[in-house]
Amino acid sequence: MALAAPAIGIVTASGHFNVEGSQVWGNATLFEGTTVETTAASSELALRNGVKVQLAAGSRARIWQNRLVLEKGVAQLAAPVSFEARVSEQAKLIRAPFKGNVAMQAAQGQTVHAGCMVYKDGHFLVQDQNTAEVIEVLGRDLPPNVGNRVEVRGAASSTPGVAPATSVMNVASVAVVAQGGCLSVAATLDAKTEVPASTVAPVAASAKPSPSPSPSPAPAAHTGMSTGAKIGIVAAIGGGGAGAAIALAGHKSATSQ
């Protein structure tokens, strides 16, 4: 059966479509010989080898890693000349330029992936825009790039720590291709387009800021009585009415300063 074959890519759409006769919403995995049929929404078939098929609404096609059979409707194919395509009389196929697999080998054995960077459960992920492969990326300067379309270069690493990533890359460099535009990818991967603020708090707490200079002591609040007022009270105790007059005079003198 087709489902027993290795996965060869992924199909995505903004609505419902059928895979092997079953209705699917959003995306599904492609295997050797999978039949995809669209209804009201178009879909995109992206193979791991870089081949892309845009399937218009009301179309049906069967896909393999190295060939396509378009049974009805309209499709646009971007594939190398070695990729075989058969078209029925009820269908129309449009050829598009093939740019190759972006996940190419770069200098010094590095791999290049271009796509959306998102954040999930403490991990940074990039979904390759050509193959739909999800790669966990490790390295510095990743948080500011979450939610953007980026190009990452690096070397393969260990086993990924979060699903649905299938590989890990130690990032040597990351460059922003376009700001934003990753909400649909984040929704598909159940991820986020920004790093939660709580995750950066430990970094801030571990920093050792230079001690700030101690503030100058604030002047003590003037809650006691003035010297003049105290003298006035003593005089009042010793001299009756005359002392009261002195106390009044002393109080005015203190408050007028």
Protein backbone atom coordinates (compact mmCIF):
# COMPACT_ATOMS: atom_id res chain seq x y z
CA MET A 1 0.00 0.00 0.00
CA ALA A 2 1.03 3.61 -0.52
CA LEU A 3 0.90 4.36 3.20
CA ALA A 4 3.55 1.68 3.86
CA ALA A 5 6.08 3.55 1.71
CA PRO A 6 8.51 6.16 3.11
CA ALA A 7 7.25 9.73 3.46
CA ILE A 8 8.26 11.82 0.45
CA GLY A 9 6.82 15.23 1.38
CA ILE A 10 3.81 17.14 2.63
CA VAL A 11 0.61 18.62 1.15
CA THR A 12 -0.90 21.82 2.56
CA ALA A 13 -4.04 23.82 1.82
CA SER A 14 -6.11 26.63 3.33
CA GLY A 15 -9.21 24.42 3.41
CA HIS A 16 -10.41 20.84 2.95
CA PHE A 17 -8.96 18.35 0.49
CA ASN A 18 -8.95 14.57 0.10
CA VAL A 19 -6.01 12.22 0.58
CA GLU A 20 -6.59 8.62 -0.46
CA GLY A 21 -10.34 9.29 -0.35
CA SER A 22 -10.34 10.69 3.21
CA GLN A 23 -11.13 14.35 3.89
CA VAL A 24 -8.25 16.30 5.44
CA TRP A 25 -7.96 19.86 6.74
CA GLY A 26 -4.77 21.91 6.61
CA ASN A 27 -1.94 19.48 5.85
CA ALA A 28 -1.04 15.82 5.43
CA THR A 29 2.03 13.68 4.78
CA LEU A 30 2.71 12.39 1.28
CA PHE A 31 3.87 8.86 0.56
CA GLU A 32 4.82 7.08 -2.65
CA GLY A 33 1.72 6.88 -4.85
CA THR A 34 -0.54 9.08 -2.69
CA THR A 35 -3.65 10.44 -4.42
CA VAL A 36 -4.58 14.04 -3.60
CA GLU A 37 -7.87 15.59 -4.72
CA THR A 38 -8.83 19.21 -4.11
CA THR A 39 -12.37 20.57 -3.75
CA ALA A 40 -13.00 24.28 -3.25
CA ALA A 41 -9.44 25.12 -2.15
CA SER A 42 -6.15 24.73 -3.99
CA SER A 43 -3.26 22.86 -2.40
CA GLU A 44 0.53 22.68 -2.58
CA LEU A 45 2.50 19.45 -2.71
CA ALA A 46 6.11 19.89 -1.58
CA LEU A 47 8.46 16.93 -1.87
CA ARG A 48 11.64 16.43 0.12
CA ASN A 49 13.67 16.52 -3.10
CA GLY A 50 12.52 20.10 -3.81
CA VAL A 51 9.76 19.30 -6.35
CA LYS A 52 6.64 21.45 -5.99
CA VAL A 53 3.15 20.93 -7.38
CA GLN A 54 0.43 23.58 -7.14
CA LEU A 55 -2.88 21.75 -7.50
CA ALA A 56 -5.83 23.99 -8.44
CA ALA A 57 -9.33 23.60 -6.99
CA GLY A 58 -11.27 20.69 -8.45
CA SER A 59 -8.14 18.75 -9.42
CA ARG A 60 -6.80 15.27 -8.71
CA ALA A 61 -3.25 13.93 -8.94
CA ARG A 62 -1.17 10.96 -7.86
CA ILE A 63 2.37 11.67 -6.73
CA TRP A 64 5.60 9.71 -6.38
CA GLN A 65 9.10 10.91 -5.54
CA ASN A 66 10.09 10.97 -9.21
CA ARG A 67 6.80 11.21 -11.14
CA LEU A 68 3.31 12.67 -11.22
CA VAL A 69 0.04 11.59 -12.80
CA LEU A 70 -2.44 14.46 -13.18
CA GLU A 71 -5.84 12.84 -13.61
CA LYS A 72 -8.05 15.95 -13.78
CA GLY A 73 -7.98 19.70 -13.28
CA VAL A 74 -5.01 22.06 -13.49
CA ALA A 75 -1.61 21.87 -11.84
CA GLN A 76 1.66 23.77 -11.93
CA LEU A 77 4.82 21.70 -11.67
CA ALA A 78 8.29 22.87 -10.67
CA ALA A 79 10.63 19.90 -11.11
CA PRO A 80 13.84 18.87 -12.88
CA VAL A 81 13.62 17.48 -16.42
CA SER A 82 14.17 13.99 -15.05
CA PHE A 83 10.86 14.19 -13.18
CA GLU A 84 8.20 12.32 -15.17
CA ALA A 85 4.73 13.84 -15.60
CA ARG A 86 1.71 12.20 -17.24
CA VAL A 87 -1.42 14.25 -17.95
CA SER A 88 -4.87 12.91 -18.84
CA GLU A 89 -7.13 14.48 -21.48
CA GLN A 90 -9.23 16.10 -18.75
CA ALA A 91 -6.26 17.88 -17.20
CA LYS A 92 -3.73 20.62 -17.92
CA LEU A 93 -0.18 20.86 -16.60
CA ILE A 94 1.85 24.08 -16.46
CA ARG A 95 5.62 23.85 -16.14
CA ALA A 96 7.40 26.31 -13.85
CA PRO A 97 11.14 26.96 -13.37
CA PHE A 98 12.81 24.56 -10.96
CA LYS A 99 15.16 26.23 -8.47
CA GLY A 100 16.34 23.04 -6.83
CA ASN A 101 16.29 22.01 -3.22
CA VAL A 102 17.07 24.91 -0.91
CA ALA A 103 18.33 22.45 1.68
CA MET A 104 21.58 22.25 -0.27
CA GLN A 105 25.04 21.53 0.96
CA ALA A 106 27.00 24.71 1.56
CA ALA A 107 30.69 25.31 2.08
CA GLN A 108 32.47 23.26 4.73
CA GLY A 109 29.71 20.70 4.91
CA GLN A 110 27.04 23.12 6.12
CA THR A 111 23.36 22.77 5.27
CA VAL A 112 21.08 25.66 4.32
CA HIS A 113 17.38 25.86 5.19
CA ALA A 114 15.03 28.74 4.45
CA GLY A 115 11.65 29.10 6.13
CA CYS A 116 9.75 30.28 9.19
CA MET A 117 11.35 30.19 12.63
CA VAL A 118 8.94 29.49 15.49
CA TYR A 119 9.18 28.61 19.19
CA LYS A 120 7.71 25.51 20.84
CA ASP A 121 8.12 24.16 24.37
CA GLY A 122 11.52 25.74 24.91
CA HIS A 123 12.84 24.81 21.45
CA PHE A 124 13.44 26.81 18.26
CA LEU A 125 12.14 25.30 15.02
CA VAL A 126 12.50 26.14 11.33
CA GLN A 127 10.11 24.66 8.77
CA ASP A 128 11.83 24.46 5.39
CA GLN A 129 9.63 26.34 2.90
CA ASN A 130 10.49 23.95 0.07
CA THR A 131 10.45 20.52 1.68
CA ALA A 132 8.20 21.30 4.71
CA GLU A 133 10.78 19.49 6.86
CA VAL A 134 10.86 20.74 10.47
CA ILE A 135 14.34 21.27 11.90
CA GLU A 136 15.20 22.05 15.51
CA VAL A 137 17.88 24.76 15.52
CA LEU A 138 20.43 25.43 18.25
CA GLY A 139 22.63 28.48 18.62
CA ARG A 140 22.88 32.11 19.63
CA ASP A 141 20.77 35.06 18.52
CA LEU A 142 17.71 32.90 17.85
CA PRO A 143 15.00 34.63 20.01
CA PRO A 144 15.00 37.92 18.00
CA ASN A 145 14.34 35.96 14.79
CA VAL A 146 11.32 33.99 15.99
CA GLY A 147 8.25 34.75 13.87
CA ASN A 148 10.28 35.76 10.80
CA ARG A 149 11.23 34.00 7.57
CA VAL A 150 14.92 33.25 7.86
CA GLU A 151 17.81 31.44 6.20
CA VAL A 152 19.88 29.34 8.58
CA ARG A 153 23.22 27.69 7.88
CA GLY A 154 24.86 25.07 10.02
CA ALA A 155 25.77 21.45 10.60
CA ALA A 156 23.60 18.51 11.56
CA SER A 157 23.52 17.61 15.24
CA SER A 158 21.89 15.13 17.60
CA THR A 159 18.33 13.82 17.90
CA PRO A 160 15.62 16.52 18.12
CA GLY A 161 14.03 17.16 21.49
CA VAL A 162 10.54 18.17 20.38
CA ALA A 163 8.01 16.95 17.82
CA PRO A 164 7.50 17.33 14.89
CA ALA A 165 11.19 18.12 14.28
CA THR A 166 12.98 15.34 12.42
CA SER A 167 16.54 16.68 12.61
CA VAL A 168 18.74 19.13 14.53
CA MET A 169 21.04 21.86 13.25
CA ASN A 170 23.79 23.73 15.09
CA VAL A 171 23.34 27.17 13.54
CA ALA A 172 26.46 28.97 12.37
CA SER A 173 24.57 31.96 10.93
CA VAL A 174 21.00 33.18 10.63
CA ALA A 175 19.71 35.88 8.28
CA VAL A 176 16.22 37.39 8.09
CA VAL A 177 14.63 36.94 4.66
CA ALA A 178 11.30 38.62 5.49
CA GLN A 179 9.70 40.04 8.62
CA GLY A 180 6.66 38.14 9.90
CA GLY A 181 4.40 35.93 7.81
CA CYS A 182 4.72 32.86 10.02
CA LEU A 183 1.36 32.68 11.79
CA SER A 184 0.06 29.81 9.65
CA VAL A 185 3.26 27.80 10.17
CA ALA A 186 3.06 28.37 13.92
CA ALA A 187 -0.57 27.24 13.97
CA THR A 188 0.28 24.09 12.01
CA LEU A 189 3.14 23.18 14.36
CA ASP A 190 1.25 24.26 17.51
CA ALA A 191 4.05 26.73 18.14
CA LYS A 192 4.46 30.47 18.82
CA THR A 193 5.75 33.37 16.77
CA GLU A 194 7.46 34.97 19.74
CA VAL A 195 9.40 33.82 22.77
CA PRO A 196 7.37 34.16 26.01
CA ALA A 197 8.78 36.84 28.30
CA SER A 198 9.01 34.36 31.19
CA THR A 199 11.66 32.34 29.36
CA VAL A 200 14.12 35.23 29.27
CA ALA A 201 13.65 36.17 32.93
CA PRO A 202 16.28 33.68 34.23
CA VAL A 203 18.87 35.20 31.91
CA ALA A 204 18.17 38.64 33.28
CA ALA A 205 18.27 37.34 36.84
CA SER A 206 21.64 35.65 36.36
CA ALA A 207 23.26 38.87 35.22
CA LYS A 208 25.27 40.77 37.82
CA PRO A 209 24.58 44.46 37.33
CA SER A 210 27.06 46.89 38.84
CA PRO A 211 25.82 48.14 42.20
CA SER A 212 24.14 51.49 42.00
CA PRO A 213 25.42 54.21 44.30
CA SER A 214 23.61 54.35 47.62
CA PRO A 215 21.09 57.14 47.65
CA SER A 216 21.77 60.07 49.95
CA PRO A 217 19.74 59.77 53.12
CA ALA A 218 16.58 61.81 52.93
CA PRO A 219 16.23 64.64 55.41
CA ALA A 220 14.46 63.52 58.54
CA ALA A 221 10.86 64.56 58.73
CA HIS A 222 10.37 67.69 60.92
CA THR A 223 7.94 66.24 63.41
CA GLY A 224 9.42 67.59 66.69
CA MET A 225 8.94 71.02 68.21
CA SER A 226 11.32 73.92 67.65
CA THR A 227 13.69 75.06 70.39
CA GLY A 228 11.72 78.24 70.78
CA ALA A 229 8.51 76.33 71.32
CA LYS A 230 10.14 74.14 73.98
CA ILE A 231 11.43 77.20 75.86
CA GLY A 232 7.97 78.70 75.70
CA ILE A 233 6.39 75.63 77.30
CA VAL A 234 8.93 75.64 80.16
CA ALA A 235 8.31 79.30 80.76
CA ALA A 236 4.56 78.72 80.77
CA ILE A 237 4.89 76.09 83.50
CA GLY A 238 6.93 78.44 85.69
CA GLY A 239 5.14 81.71 85.07
CA GLY A 240 1.49 81.20 84.34
CA GLY A 241 0.00 83.74 81.93
CA ALA A 242 3.26 85.47 81.23
CA GLY A 243 4.72 82.10 80.27
CA ALA A 244 1.85 81.54 77.83
CA ALA A 245 2.66 84.81 76.14
CA ILE A 246 6.28 83.79 75.82
CA ALA A 247 5.22 80.39 74.44
CA LEU A 248 3.07 82.07 71.82
CA ALA A 249 5.88 84.39 70.87
CA GLY A 250 8.31 81.45 70.65
CA HIS A 251 5.93 79.46 68.45
CA LYS A 252 5.54 82.31 65.99
CA SER A 253 9.27 82.77 65.87
CA ALA A 254 9.78 79.08 65.03
CA THR A 255 7.17 78.93 62.30
CA SER A 256 8.32 82.09 60.62
CA GLN A 257 11.75 80.66 59.80
